[in-house]
PDB file of N, CA and C in Angstrom:
ATOM      1  N   UNK A   1      -5.932  30.178   5.978  1.00  0.00           N
ATOM      2  CA  UNK A   1      -6.281  29.243   5.494  1.00  0.00           C
ATOM      3  C   UNK A   1      -4.810  28.229   5.852  1.00  0.00           C
ATOM      4  N   UNK A   2      -5.560  27.134   6.687  1.00  0.00           N
ATOM      5  CA  UNK A   2      -4.625  25.905   6.851  1.00  0.00           C
ATOM      6  C   UNK A   2      -4.601  24.806   5.402  1.00  0.00           C
ATOM      7  N   UNK A   3      -3.399  24.507   5.258  1.00  0.00           N
ATOM      8  CA  UNK A   3      -3.021  23.745   3.674  1.00  0.00           C
ATOM      9  C   UNK A   3      -1.876  22.847   4.283  1.00  0.00           C
ATOM     10  N   UNK A   4      -2.178  21.599   3.965  1.00  0.00           N
ATOM     11  CA  UNK A   4      -1.657  20.374   4.218  1.00  0.00           C
ATOM     12  C   UNK A   4      -0.680  20.018   2.977  1.00  0.00           C
ATOM     13  N   UNK A   5       0.467  19.897   2.682  1.00  0.00           N
ATOM     14  CA  UNK A   5       0.800  18.825   1.843  1.00  0.00           C
ATOM     15  C   UNK A   5       1.407  17.293   1.976  1.00  0.00           C
ATOM     16  N   UNK A   6       0.837  16.515   0.980  1.00  0.00           N
ATOM     17  CA  UNK A   6       0.869  15.388   1.120  1.00  0.00           C
ATOM     18  C   UNK A   6       1.910  14.735  -0.404  1.00  0.00           C
ATOM     19  N   UNK A   7       2.253  13.770   0.066  1.00  0.00           N
ATOM     20  CA  UNK A   7       2.933  13.081  -0.840  1.00  0.00           C
ATOM     21  C   UNK A   7       2.294  12.117  -1.393  1.00  0.00           C
ATOM     22  N   UNK A   8       1.593  11.962  -2.900  1.00  0.00           N
ATOM     23  CA  UNK A   8       0.340  10.587  -3.632  1.00  0.00           C
ATOM     24  C   UNK A   8       1.215   9.713  -3.801  1.00  0.00           C
ATOM     25  N   UNK A   9       2.362  10.010  -3.545  1.00  0.00           N
ATOM     26  CA  UNK A   9       3.232   8.143  -4.054  1.00  0.00           C
ATOM     27  C   UNK A   9       3.601   7.412  -3.251  1.00  0.00           C
ATOM     28  N   UNK A  10       3.458   8.005  -1.887  1.00  0.00           N
ATOM     29  CA  UNK A  10       4.364   6.980  -0.854  1.00  0.00           C
ATOM     30  C   UNK A  10       3.424   5.572  -0.465  1.00  0.00           C
ATOM     31  N   UNK A  11       4.061   4.868  -0.216  1.00  0.00           N
ATOM     32  CA  UNK A  11       4.178   3.009   0.012  1.00  0.00           C
ATOM     33  C   UNK A  11       3.735   3.181   1.011  1.00  0.00           C
ATOM     34  N   UNK A  12       2.223   2.513   1.783  1.00  0.00           N
ATOM     35  CA  UNK A  12       2.683   1.821   3.092  1.00  0.00           C
ATOM     36  C   UNK A  12       3.718  -0.017   2.918  1.00  0.00           C
ATOM     37  N   UNK A  13       3.569  -0.180   4.309  1.00  0.00           N
ATOM     38  CA  UNK A  13       4.070  -1.646   4.130  1.00  0.00           C
ATOM     39  C   UNK A  13       3.234  -2.455   3.499  1.00  0.00           C
ATOM     40  N   UNK A  14       3.718  -3.734   2.804  1.00  0.00           N
ATOM     41  CA  UNK A  14       2.753  -4.531   2.135  1.00  0.00           C
ATOM     42  C   UNK A  14       2.388  -5.942   3.532  1.00  0.00           C
ATOM     43  N   UNK A  15       3.395  -5.886   4.593  1.00  0.00           N
ATOM     44  CA  UNK A  15       2.966  -6.639   5.471  1.00  0.00           C
ATOM     45  C   UNK A  15       1.980  -6.403   7.069  1.00  0.00           C
ATOM     46  N   UNK A  16       0.987  -6.360   7.004  1.00  0.00           N
ATOM     47  CA  UNK A  16      -0.125  -5.896   8.020  1.00  0.00           C
ATOM     48  C   UNK A  16       0.630  -6.748   9.931  1.00  0.00           C
ATOM     49  N   UNK A  17       0.221  -6.018  10.533  1.00  0.00           N
ATOM     50  CA  UNK A  17       0.344  -6.226  11.671  1.00  0.00           C
ATOM     51  C   UNK A  17      -0.145  -7.859  12.204  1.00  0.00           C
ATOM     52  N   UNK A  18      -1.053  -7.918  11.402  1.00  0.00           N
ATOM     53  CA  UNK A  18      -2.050  -9.353  11.623  1.00  0.00           C
ATOM     54  C   UNK A  18      -0.987 -10.240  11.281  1.00  0.00           C
ATOM     55  N   UNK A  19      -0.590 -10.296  10.128  1.00  0.00           N
ATOM     56  CA  UNK A  19       0.204 -11.453   9.192  1.00  0.00           C
ATOM     57  C   UNK A  19       1.467 -11.813  10.004  1.00  0.00           C
ATOM     58  N   UNK A  20       2.068 -10.478  10.682  1.00  0.00           N
ATOM     59  CA  UNK A  20       3.399 -10.919  11.143  1.00  0.00           C
ATOM     60  C   UNK A  20       3.001 -11.253  12.512  1.00  0.00           C
ATOM     61  N   UNK A  21       2.124 -10.998  13.238  1.00  0.00           N
ATOM     62  CA  UNK A  21       1.592 -11.356  15.142  1.00  0.00           C
ATOM     63  C   UNK A  21       1.358 -12.765  14.178  1.00  0.00           C
ATOM     64  N   UNK A  22       0.627 -13.360  13.795  1.00  0.00           N
ATOM     65  CA  UNK A  22       0.515 -14.616  13.227  1.00  0.00           C
ATOM     66  C   UNK A  22       1.585 -15.460  12.898  1.00  0.00           C
ATOM     67  N   UNK A  23       2.594 -14.972  12.514  1.00  0.00           N
ATOM     68  CA  UNK A  23       3.593 -15.854  12.161  1.00  0.00           C
ATOM     69  C   UNK A  23       4.279 -16.234  13.495  1.00  0.00           C
ATOM     70  N   UNK A  24       4.459 -15.545  14.135  1.00  0.00           N
ATOM     71  CA  UNK A  24       5.768 -15.157  15.423  1.00  0.00           C
ATOM     72  C   UNK A  24       4.577 -16.150  16.463  1.00  0.00           C
ATOM     73  N   UNK A  25       3.434 -16.106  16.458  1.00  0.00           N
ATOM     74  CA  UNK A  25       2.429 -17.058  17.193  1.00  0.00           C
ATOM     75  C   UNK A  25       2.428 -18.249  16.684  1.00  0.00           C
ATOM     76  N   UNK A  26       1.787 -18.583  15.253  1.00  0.00           N
ATOM     77  CA  UNK A  26       2.148 -19.697  15.058  1.00  0.00           C
ATOM     78  C   UNK A  26       3.669 -20.511  15.317  1.00  0.00           C
ATOM     79  N   UNK A  27       4.742 -19.715  14.752  1.00  0.00           N
ATOM     80  CA  UNK A  27       5.476 -20.372  14.921  1.00  0.00           C
ATOM     81  C   UNK A  27       6.046 -20.956  16.300  1.00  0.00           C
ATOM     82  N   UNK A  28       5.952 -20.228  17.813  1.00  0.00           N
ATOM     83  CA  UNK A  28       6.202 -20.650  18.979  1.00  0.00           C
ATOM     84  C   UNK A  28       5.016 -21.718  18.877  1.00  0.00           C
ATOM     85  N   UNK A  29       4.094 -21.919  18.470  1.00  0.00           N
ATOM     86  CA  UNK A  29       3.035 -22.682  19.023  1.00  0.00           C
ATOM     87  C   UNK A  29       3.262 -23.961  18.277  1.00  0.00           C
ATOM     88  N   UNK A  30       4.285 -23.870  16.993  1.00  0.00           N
ATOM     89  CA  UNK A  30       4.197 -25.015  16.325  1.00  0.00           C
ATOM     90  C   UNK A  30       5.129 -25.499  17.002  1.00  0.00           C
ATOM     91  N   UNK A  31       6.604 -25.125  17.389  1.00  0.00           N
ATOM     92  CA  UNK A  31       7.645 -25.463  18.021  1.00  0.00           C
ATOM     93  C   UNK A  31       7.153 -26.114  19.272  1.00  0.00           C
ATOM     94  N   UNK A  32       6.707 -25.579  20.321  1.00  0.00           N
ATOM     95  CA  UNK A  32       6.004 -26.323  21.248  1.00  0.00           C
ATOM     96  C   UNK A  32       5.120 -27.897  21.046  1.00  0.00           C
ATOM     97  N   UNK A  33       4.316 -27.659  20.023  1.00  0.00           N
ATOM     98  CA  UNK A  33       3.879 -28.176  19.582  1.00  0.00           C
ATOM     99  C   UNK A  33       4.904 -29.823  19.261  1.00  0.00           C
ATOM    100  N   UNK A  34       5.187 -29.288  18.137  1.00  0.00           N
ATOM    101  CA  UNK A  34       6.383 -30.976  17.746  1.00  0.00           C
ATOM    102  C   UNK A  34       7.672 -30.882  19.286  1.00  0.00           C
ATOM    103  N   UNK A  35       7.651 -30.524  20.334  1.00  0.00           N
ATOM    104  CA  UNK A  35       8.527 -30.405  21.198  1.00  0.00           C
ATOM    105  C   UNK A  35       7.663 -31.409  22.126  1.00  0.00           C
ATOM    106  N   UNK A  36       6.295 -31.276  22.763  1.00  0.00           N
ATOM    107  CA  UNK A  36       5.669 -31.665  23.338  1.00  0.00           C
ATOM    108  C   UNK A  36       4.813 -33.005  22.796  1.00  0.00           C
ATOM    109  N   UNK A  37       4.524 -33.031  21.643  1.00  0.00           N
ATOM    110  CA  UNK A  37       3.193 -34.175  21.066  1.00  0.00           C
ATOM    111  C   UNK A  37       4.345 -35.243  20.644  1.00  0.00           C
ATOM    112  N   UNK A  38       4.163 -36.371  20.962  1.00  0.00           N
ATOM    113  CA  UNK A  38       5.206 -37.166  20.178  1.00  0.00           C
ATOM    114  C   UNK A  38       4.108 -37.730  18.563  1.00  0.00           C
ATOM    115  N   UNK A  39       2.872 -36.918  18.579  1.00  0.00           N
ATOM    116  CA  UNK A  39       2.249 -37.660  17.081  1.00  0.00           C
ATOM    117  C   UNK A  39       2.570 -36.790  15.765  1.00  0.00           C
ATOM    118  N   UNK A  40       3.450 -37.015  15.037  1.00  0.00           N
ATOM    119  CA  UNK A  40       4.244 -36.333  14.059  1.00  0.00           C
ATOM    120  C   UNK A  40       2.720 -36.137  13.462  1.00  0.00           C
ATOM    121  N   UNK A  41       1.648 -36.996  12.789  1.00  0.00           N
ATOM    122  CA  UNK A  41       1.315 -36.672  11.369  1.00  0.00           C
ATOM    123  C   UNK A  41      -0.023 -35.678  11.826  1.00  0.00           C
ATOM    124  N   UNK A  42      -0.657 -35.644  13.210  1.00  0.00           N
ATOM    125  CA  UNK A  42      -1.081 -34.418  13.390  1.00  0.00           C
ATOM    126  C   UNK A  42      -0.805 -33.529  13.746  1.00  0.00           C
ATOM    127  N   UNK A  43       0.679 -33.338  14.287  1.00  0.00           N
ATOM    128  CA  UNK A  43       1.380 -32.050  14.085  1.00  0.00           C
ATOM    129  C   UNK A  43       1.559 -31.580  12.904  1.00  0.00           C
ATOM    130  N   UNK A  44       1.698 -32.001  11.915  1.00  0.00           N
ATOM    131  CA  UNK A  44       1.745 -31.646  10.200  1.00  0.00           C
ATOM    132  C   UNK A  44       0.763 -31.637   9.774  1.00  0.00           C
ATOM    133  N   UNK A  45      -0.361 -31.604  10.354  1.00  0.00           N
ATOM    134  CA  UNK A  45      -2.024 -31.694   9.768  1.00  0.00           C
ATOM    135  C   UNK A  45      -2.262 -30.044  10.419  1.00  0.00           C
ATOM    136  N   UNK A  46      -1.997 -29.809  11.550  1.00  0.00           N
ATOM    137  CA  UNK A  46      -2.077 -28.304  12.309  1.00  0.00           C
ATOM    138  C   UNK A  46      -0.985 -27.519  11.472  1.00  0.00           C
ATOM    139  N   UNK A  47       0.299 -28.003  11.572  1.00  0.00           N
ATOM    140  CA  UNK A  47       0.846 -26.918  10.919  1.00  0.00           C
ATOM    141  C   UNK A  47       0.788 -26.518   9.289  1.00  0.00           C
ATOM    142  N   UNK A  48       0.156 -27.098   8.566  1.00  0.00           N
ATOM    143  CA  UNK A  48      -0.060 -27.544   7.101  1.00  0.00           C
ATOM    144  C   UNK A  48      -1.690 -26.549   6.877  1.00  0.00           C
ATOM    145  N   UNK A  49      -2.313 -26.409   8.407  1.00  0.00           N
ATOM    146  CA  UNK A  49      -3.568 -25.665   8.697  1.00  0.00           C
ATOM    147  C   UNK A  49      -2.825 -24.113   8.336  1.00  0.00           C
ATOM    148  N   UNK A  50      -1.974 -24.641   9.587  1.00  0.00           N
ATOM    149  CA  UNK A  50      -1.535 -22.415   9.575  1.00  0.00           C
ATOM    150  C   UNK A  50      -0.847 -22.478   8.460  1.00  0.00           C
ATOM    151  N   UNK A  51       0.069 -22.915   7.537  1.00  0.00           N
ATOM    152  CA  UNK A  51       0.367 -22.413   6.058  1.00  0.00           C
ATOM    153  C   UNK A  51      -1.077 -21.907   5.251  1.00  0.00           C
ATOM    154  N   UNK A  52      -1.805 -22.953   5.167  1.00  0.00           N
ATOM    155  CA  UNK A  52      -2.706 -22.278   4.315  1.00  0.00           C
ATOM    156  C   UNK A  52      -3.454 -21.005   4.964  1.00  0.00           C
ATOM    157  N   UNK A  53      -3.244 -20.610   6.614  1.00  0.00           N
ATOM    158  CA  UNK A  53      -3.530 -19.617   6.828  1.00  0.00           C
ATOM    159  C   UNK A  53      -3.345 -18.178   6.587  1.00  0.00           C
ATOM    160  N   UNK A  54      -1.530 -18.869   6.774  1.00  0.00           N
ATOM    161  CA  UNK A  54      -0.762 -18.343   6.193  1.00  0.00           C
ATOM    162  C   UNK A  54      -0.741 -16.980   5.070  1.00  0.00           C
ATOM    163  N   UNK A  55      -0.854 -18.497   4.137  1.00  0.00           N
ATOM    164  CA  UNK A  55      -0.867 -17.739   2.195  1.00  0.00           C
ATOM    165  C   UNK A  55      -2.285 -17.022   2.101  1.00  0.00           C
ATOM    166  N   UNK A  56      -3.043 -17.035   2.939  1.00  0.00           N
ATOM    167  CA  UNK A  56      -4.560 -16.279   2.669  1.00  0.00           C
ATOM    168  C   UNK A  56      -4.278 -14.781   3.147  1.00  0.00           C
ATOM    169  N   UNK A  57      -3.403 -14.976   4.312  1.00  0.00           N
ATOM    170  CA  UNK A  57      -3.374 -13.198   5.018  1.00  0.00           C
ATOM    171  C   UNK A  57      -2.710 -12.648   4.127  1.00  0.00           C
ATOM    172  N   UNK A  58      -1.220 -13.317   3.136  1.00  0.00           N
ATOM    173  CA  UNK A  58      -0.392 -13.013   2.785  1.00  0.00           C
ATOM    174  C   UNK A  58      -1.073 -12.569   1.578  1.00  0.00           C
ATOM    175  N   UNK A  59      -2.083 -13.173   0.711  1.00  0.00           N
ATOM    176  CA  UNK A  59      -2.617 -12.723  -0.480  1.00  0.00           C
ATOM    177  C   UNK A  59      -3.465 -11.594   0.263  1.00  0.00           C
ATOM    178  N   UNK A  60      -4.046 -11.541   1.170  1.00  0.00           N
ATOM    179  CA  UNK A  60      -4.899 -10.251   1.229  1.00  0.00           C
ATOM    180  C   UNK A  60      -4.169  -9.603   1.643  1.00  0.00           C
ATOM    181  N   UNK A  61      -2.642  -9.510   2.193  1.00  0.00           N
ATOM    182  CA  UNK A  61      -1.656  -8.432   1.964  1.00  0.00           C
ATOM    183  C   UNK A  61      -1.672  -7.562   1.074  1.00  0.00           C
ATOM    184  N   UNK A  62      -1.442  -8.771   0.201  1.00  0.00           N
ATOM    185  CA  UNK A  62      -1.049  -7.962  -1.373  1.00  0.00           C
ATOM    186  C   UNK A  62      -1.845  -7.719  -2.194  1.00  0.00           C
ATOM    187  N   UNK A  63      -3.069  -8.098  -1.917  1.00  0.00           N
ATOM    188  CA  UNK A  63      -4.212  -7.114  -2.651  1.00  0.00           C
ATOM    189  C   UNK A  63      -4.532  -5.736  -1.593  1.00  0.00           C
ATOM    190  N   UNK A  64      -4.006  -5.662  -0.337  1.00  0.00           N
ATOM    191  CA  UNK A  64      -4.551  -4.431  -0.237  1.00  0.00           C
ATOM    192  C   UNK A  64      -3.500  -3.395  -0.256  1.00  0.00           C
ATOM    193  N   UNK A  65      -2.280  -3.932  -0.569  1.00  0.00           N
ATOM    194  CA  UNK A  65      -1.027  -3.252  -1.185  1.00  0.00           C
ATOM    195  C   UNK A  65      -0.907  -3.085  -2.176  1.00  0.00           C
ATOM    196  N   UNK A  66      -1.844  -3.221  -3.265  1.00  0.00           N
ATOM    197  CA  UNK A  66      -1.369  -3.460  -4.435  1.00  0.00           C
ATOM    198  C   UNK A  66      -2.508  -1.997  -5.044  1.00  0.00           C
ATOM    199  N   UNK A  67      -3.572  -1.836  -4.233  1.00  0.00           N
ATOM    200  CA  UNK A  67      -4.557  -0.907  -4.386  1.00  0.00           C
ATOM    201  C   UNK A  67      -3.785   0.450  -4.144  1.00  0.00           C
ATOM    202  N   UNK A  68      -2.932   1.065  -3.521  1.00  0.00           N
ATOM    203  CA  UNK A  68      -2.157   2.064  -3.094  1.00  0.00           C
ATOM    204  C   UNK A  68      -1.948   2.365  -4.545  1.00  0.00           C
ATOM    205  N   UNK A  69      -1.916   4.437  -4.280  1.00  0.00           N
ATOM    206  CA  UNK A  69      -1.761   4.844  -5.746  1.00  0.00           C
ATOM    207  C   UNK A  69      -0.632   4.815  -6.694  1.00  0.00           C
ATOM    208  N   UNK A  70      -0.775   4.487  -7.622  1.00  0.00           N
ATOM    209  CA  UNK A  70       0.391   4.456  -8.664  1.00  0.00           C
ATOM    210  C   UNK A  70       1.187   5.499  -8.862  1.00  0.00           C
ATOM    211  N   UNK A  71       2.762   5.339  -9.183  1.00  0.00           N
ATOM    212  CA  UNK A  71       3.008   6.659  -9.647  1.00  0.00           C
ATOM    213  C   UNK A  71       3.043   6.800 -10.991  1.00  0.00           C
ATOM    214  N   UNK A  72       2.436   8.055 -11.236  1.00  0.00           N
ATOM    215  CA  UNK A  72       1.669   9.132 -12.390  1.00  0.00           C
ATOM    216  C   UNK A  72       2.990   9.296 -13.491  1.00  0.00           C
ATOM    217  N   UNK A  73       2.682   9.119 -14.534  1.00  0.00           N
ATOM    218  CA  UNK A  73       3.423  10.262 -15.598  1.00  0.00           C
ATOM    219  C   UNK A  73       2.920  10.620 -16.185  1.00  0.00           C
ATOM    220  N   UNK A  74       3.422  12.365 -16.017  1.00  0.00           N
ATOM    221  CA  UNK A  74       2.123  13.630 -16.144  1.00  0.00           C
ATOM    222  C   UNK A  74       2.288  13.814 -17.595  1.00  0.00           C
ATOM    223  N   UNK A  75       2.906  13.154 -18.934  1.00  0.00           N
ATOM    224  CA  UNK A  75       2.828  13.309 -20.036  1.00  0.00           C
ATOM    225  C   UNK A  75       1.440  12.749 -20.670  1.00  0.00           C
ATOM    226  N   UNK A  76       0.759  12.105 -19.443  1.00  0.00           N
ATOM    227  CA  UNK A  76      -0.205  11.431 -20.379  1.00  0.00           C
ATOM    228  C   UNK A  76      -1.648  11.684 -19.517  1.00  0.00           C
ATOM    229  N   UNK A  77      -1.067  11.693 -18.197  1.00  0.00           N
ATOM    230  CA  UNK A  77      -2.273  12.018 -17.215  1.00  0.00           C
ATOM    231  C   UNK A  77      -3.075  13.152 -16.704  1.00  0.00           C
ATOM    232  N   UNK A  78      -4.216  13.576 -16.688  1.00  0.00           N
ATOM    233  CA  UNK A  78      -4.526  14.870 -16.772  1.00  0.00           C
ATOM    234  C   UNK A  78      -5.247  15.216 -15.364  1.00  0.00           C
ATOM    235  N   UNK A  79      -5.631  14.258 -14.565  1.00  0.00           N
ATOM    236  CA  UNK A  79      -6.847  14.429 -13.667  1.00  0.00           C
ATOM    237  C   UNK A  79      -5.692  13.627 -12.770  1.00  0.00           C
ATOM    238  N   UNK A  80      -6.675  13.691 -11.103  1.00  0.00           N
ATOM    239  CA  UNK A  80      -6.025  13.290 -10.091  1.00  0.00           C
ATOM    240  C   UNK A  80      -7.337  12.830  -9.182  1.00  0.00           C
ATOM    241  N   UNK A  81      -7.444  11.849  -8.461  1.00  0.00           N
ATOM    242  CA  UNK A  81      -8.650  11.596  -7.278  1.00  0.00           C
ATOM    243  C   UNK A  81      -8.062  11.775  -6.187  1.00  0.00           C
ATOM    244  N   UNK A  82      -8.420  12.123  -5.726  1.00  0.00           N
ATOM    245  CA  UNK A  82      -7.888  12.476  -4.030  1.00  0.00           C
ATOM    246  C   UNK A  82      -7.874  11.454  -3.165  1.00  0.00           C
ATOM    247  N   UNK A  83      -7.124  10.654  -2.549  1.00  0.00           N
ATOM    248  CA  UNK A  83      -6.440  10.040  -1.963  1.00  0.00           C
ATOM    249  C   UNK A  83      -7.783  10.053  -0.695  1.00  0.00           C
ATOM    250  N   UNK A  84      -7.812  11.587  -0.044  1.00  0.00           N
ATOM    251  CA  UNK A  84      -9.247  11.642   1.370  1.00  0.00           C
ATOM    252  C   UNK A  84     -10.275  11.276   0.565  1.00  0.00           C
ATOM    253  N   UNK A  85     -10.648  12.600   0.161  1.00  0.00           N
ATOM    254  CA  UNK A  85     -12.327  12.579  -0.103  1.00  0.00           C
ATOM    255  C   UNK A  85     -12.501  12.264  -1.638  1.00  0.00           C
ATOM    256  N   UNK A  86     -11.776  11.263  -2.137  1.00  0.00           N
ATOM    257  CA  UNK A  86     -11.928  10.662  -3.918  1.00  0.00           C
ATOM    258  C   UNK A  86     -12.634  11.547  -4.642  1.00  0.00           C
ATOM    259  N   UNK A  87     -12.934  13.112  -4.522  1.00  0.00           N
ATOM    260  CA  UNK A  87     -13.115  14.194  -5.487  1.00  0.00           C
ATOM    261  C   UNK A  87     -11.909  14.057  -6.886  1.00  0.00           C
ATOM    262  N   UNK A  88     -12.387  14.243  -7.680  1.00  0.00           N
ATOM    263  CA  UNK A  88     -11.481  13.918  -8.996  1.00  0.00           C
ATOM    264  C   UNK A  88     -11.168  15.255  -9.048  1.00  0.00           C
ATOM    265  N   UNK A  89      -9.974  15.671  -9.505  1.00  0.00           N
ATOM    266  CA  UNK A  89      -9.259  17.200  -9.363  1.00  0.00           C
ATOM    267  C   UNK A  89      -8.857  17.292 -11.067  1.00  0.00           C
ATOM    268  N   UNK A  90      -9.706  17.693 -11.741  1.00  0.00           N
ATOM    269  CA  UNK A  90      -9.152  17.743 -13.137  1.00  0.00           C
ATOM    270  C   UNK A  90      -8.126  18.190 -13.596  1.00  0.00           C
ATOM    271  N   UNK A  91      -7.697  18.874 -13.211  1.00  0.00           N
ATOM    272  CA  UNK A  91      -6.008  19.565 -13.549  1.00  0.00           C
ATOM    273  C   UNK A  91      -5.009  20.362 -12.510  1.00  0.00           C
ATOM    274  N   UNK A  92      -3.993  20.349 -12.695  1.00  0.00           N
ATOM    275  CA  UNK A  92      -2.788  20.247 -11.794  1.00  0.00           C
ATOM    276  C   UNK A  92      -2.651  21.743 -11.649  1.00  0.00           C
ATOM    277  N   UNK A  93      -2.038  22.275 -10.447  1.00  0.00           N
ATOM    278  CA  UNK A  93      -1.876  23.697 -10.232  1.00  0.00           C
ATOM    279  C   UNK A  93      -1.082  24.142 -11.329  1.00  0.00           C
ATOM    280  N   UNK A  94      -0.943  25.173 -11.826  1.00  0.00           N
ATOM    281  CA  UNK A  94      -0.322  25.614 -13.048  1.00  0.00           C
ATOM    282  C   UNK A  94       0.865  25.141 -12.917  1.00  0.00           C
ATOM    283  N   UNK A  95       2.150  25.147 -14.178  1.00  0.00           N
ATOM    284  CA  UNK A  95       2.783  24.612 -14.238  1.00  0.00           C
ATOM    285  C   UNK A  95       3.575  24.959 -15.624  1.00  0.00           C
ATOM    286  N   UNK A  96       4.592  24.526 -15.762  1.00  0.00           N
ATOM    287  CA  UNK A  96       5.522  25.137 -16.946  1.00  0.00           C
ATOM    288  C   UNK A  96       5.670  23.772 -17.816  1.00  0.00           C
ATOM    289  N   UNK A  97       5.794  22.895 -17.211  1.00  0.00           N
ATOM    290  CA  UNK A  97       5.786  21.918 -17.780  1.00  0.00           C
ATOM    291  C   UNK A  97       7.558  21.309 -18.554  1.00  0.00           C
ATOM    292  N   UNK A  98       7.948  21.776 -17.708  1.00  0.00           N
ATOM    293  CA  UNK A  98       9.666  21.658 -18.031  1.00  0.00           C
ATOM    294  C   UNK A  98       9.721  20.745 -16.961  1.00  0.00           C
ATOM    295  N   UNK A  99      10.955  19.466 -17.887  1.00  0.00           N
ATOM    296  CA  UNK A  99      11.382  18.274 -17.406  1.00  0.00           C
ATOM    297  C   UNK A  99      12.083  18.277 -15.707  1.00  0.00           C
ATOM    298  N   UNK A 100      10.881  17.520 -14.877  1.00  0.00           N
ATOM    299  CA  UNK A 100      11.824  17.274 -13.877  1.00  0.00           C
ATOM    300  C   UNK A 100      10.602  18.370 -12.514  1.00  0.00           C
ATOM    301  N   UNK A 101       9.906  19.245 -13.169  1.00  0.00           N
ATOM    302  CA  UNK A 101       9.351  20.168 -12.530  1.00  0.00           C
ATOM    303  C   UNK A 101       8.069  19.338 -11.694  1.00  0.00           C
ATOM    304  N   UNK A 102       8.009  19.604 -10.522  1.00  0.00           N
ATOM    305  CA  UNK A 102       6.990  19.129  -9.675  1.00  0.00           C
ATOM    306  C   UNK A 102       5.641  19.398  -9.533  1.00  0.00           C
ATOM    307  N   UNK A 103       4.450  18.183  -9.971  1.00  0.00           N
ATOM    308  CA  UNK A 103       3.441  17.846  -9.863  1.00  0.00           C
ATOM    309  C   UNK A 103       2.653  18.427  -9.387  1.00  0.00           C
ATOM    310  N   UNK A 104       1.968  19.484  -8.785  1.00  0.00           N
ATOM    311  CA  UNK A 104       0.828  19.241  -7.498  1.00  0.00           C
ATOM    312  C   UNK A 104      -0.653  19.298  -8.055  1.00  0.00           C
ATOM    313  N   UNK A 105      -1.472  19.101  -7.029  1.00  0.00           N
ATOM    314  CA  UNK A 105      -2.907  18.899  -6.885  1.00  0.00           C
ATOM    315  C   UNK A 105      -3.021  19.513  -5.856  1.00  0.00           C
ATOM    316  N   UNK A 106      -4.174  20.788  -6.149  1.00  0.00           N
ATOM    317  CA  UNK A 106      -5.062  20.685  -4.831  1.00  0.00           C
ATOM    318  C   UNK A 106      -6.225  20.546  -4.916  1.00  0.00           C
ATOM    319  N   UNK A 107      -6.935  19.807  -3.285  1.00  0.00           N
ATOM    320  CA  UNK A 107      -8.051  19.488  -3.460  1.00  0.00           C
ATOM    321  C   UNK A 107      -8.900  20.435  -2.191  1.00  0.00           C
ATOM    322  N   UNK A 108      -9.761  21.310  -2.859  1.00  0.00           N
ATOM    323  CA  UNK A 108     -10.789  21.926  -2.155  1.00  0.00           C
ATOM    324  C   UNK A 108     -11.228  21.719  -1.272  1.00  0.00           C
ATOM    325  N   UNK A 109     -11.829  20.448  -1.269  1.00  0.00           N
ATOM    326  CA  UNK A 109     -12.909  19.912  -0.341  1.00  0.00           C
ATOM    327  C   UNK A 109     -11.850  19.692   1.076  1.00  0.00           C
ATOM    328  N   UNK A 110     -10.540  19.240   0.931  1.00  0.00           N
ATOM    329  CA  UNK A 110     -10.030  19.145   1.890  1.00  0.00           C
ATOM    330  C   UNK A 110      -8.514  19.575   2.705  1.00  0.00           C
ATOM    331  N   UNK A 111      -8.543  20.577   1.851  1.00  0.00           N
ATOM    332  CA  UNK A 111      -7.265  21.892   1.405  1.00  0.00           C
ATOM    333  C   UNK A 111      -6.081  20.807   1.604  1.00  0.00           C
ATOM    334  N   UNK A 112      -5.850  19.543   0.820  1.00  0.00           N
ATOM    335  CA  UNK A 112      -4.640  19.112   0.705  1.00  0.00           C
ATOM    336  C   UNK A 112      -3.630  19.725  -0.493  1.00  0.00           C
ATOM    337  N   UNK A 113      -2.825  19.866  -0.596  1.00  0.00           N
ATOM    338  CA  UNK A 113      -2.016  19.703  -1.614  1.00  0.00           C
ATOM    339  C   UNK A 113      -1.265  18.496  -1.716  1.00  0.00           C
ATOM    340  N   UNK A 114      -1.612  17.564  -2.362  1.00  0.00           N
ATOM    341  CA  UNK A 114      -0.889  16.773  -3.251  1.00  0.00           C
ATOM    342  C   UNK A 114       0.080  16.254  -4.078  1.00  0.00           C
ATOM    343  N   UNK A 115       1.312  16.036  -3.753  1.00  0.00           N
ATOM    344  CA  UNK A 115       2.277  15.915  -4.528  1.00  0.00           C
ATOM    345  C   UNK A 115       2.273  14.749  -5.673  1.00  0.00           C
ATOM    346  N   UNK A 116       2.315  14.525  -6.800  1.00  0.00           N
ATOM    347  CA  UNK A 116       2.266  13.442  -7.540  1.00  0.00           C
ATOM    348  C   UNK A 116       3.431  12.956  -8.224  1.00  0.00           C
ATOM    349  N   UNK A 117       4.515  13.599  -7.954  1.00  0.00           N
ATOM    350  CA  UNK A 117       5.438  13.451  -9.216  1.00  0.00           C
ATOM    351  C   UNK A 117       6.148  14.448  -9.518  1.00  0.00           C
ATOM    352  N   UNK A 118       7.056  14.166 -10.272  1.00  0.00           N
ATOM    353  CA  UNK A 118       7.674  15.325 -11.462  1.00  0.00           C
ATOM    354  C   UNK A 118       7.131  15.239 -12.897  1.00  0.00           C
ATOM    355  N   UNK A 119       7.366  16.015 -13.808  1.00  0.00           N
ATOM    356  CA  UNK A 119       6.619  16.456 -14.725  1.00  0.00           C
ATOM    357  C   UNK A 119       7.721  15.315 -16.016  1.00  0.00           C
ATOM    358  N   UNK A 120       7.241  14.321 -16.372  1.00  0.00           N
ATOM    359  CA  UNK A 120       8.047  13.648 -17.283  1.00  0.00           C
ATOM    360  C   UNK A 120       7.788  13.524 -18.636  1.00  0.00           C
ATOM    361  N   UNK A 121       8.374  13.876 -19.624  1.00  0.00           N
ATOM    362  CA  UNK A 121       8.259  13.773 -21.176  1.00  0.00           C
ATOM    363  C   UNK A 121       9.006  13.338 -21.884  1.00  0.00           C
ATOM    364  N   UNK A 122       8.326  12.144 -22.798  1.00  0.00           N
ATOM    365  CA  UNK A 122       9.444  10.930 -23.536  1.00  0.00           C
ATOM    366  C   UNK A 122       9.836  11.460 -24.809  1.00  0.00           C
ATOM    367  N   UNK A 123      11.044  11.121 -24.885  1.00  0.00           N
ATOM    368  CA  UNK A 123      11.283  11.805 -26.385  1.00  0.00           C
ATOM    369  C   UNK A 123      11.232  10.717 -27.556  1.00  0.00           C
TER     370      UNK A 123
END
């Protein structure tokens, strides 16, 4: 039986390759535009359009980044949704509910053992 362990709390980078590439390419292009062309109004308009596109790309990255899994507090949560197959796992693997003990969920469909954090109980 192959069992893979993954951390459900790990976060991806908030900036995509598209946004970084756009910043680099447009930065070089605007620098060339201002050194070659003498029409400042036209150059400023082009840079303003580039700035609007950059804001849209950053907003898209932020929206995608906010969809990443949350860090769970296991004193109140009782289930986990598998990040691969989206199957709802109703109960974690049995544990003694001691402070700091890892909480693990096993997805039967994918064969993945998800680490979701440590058990925490507020007093």
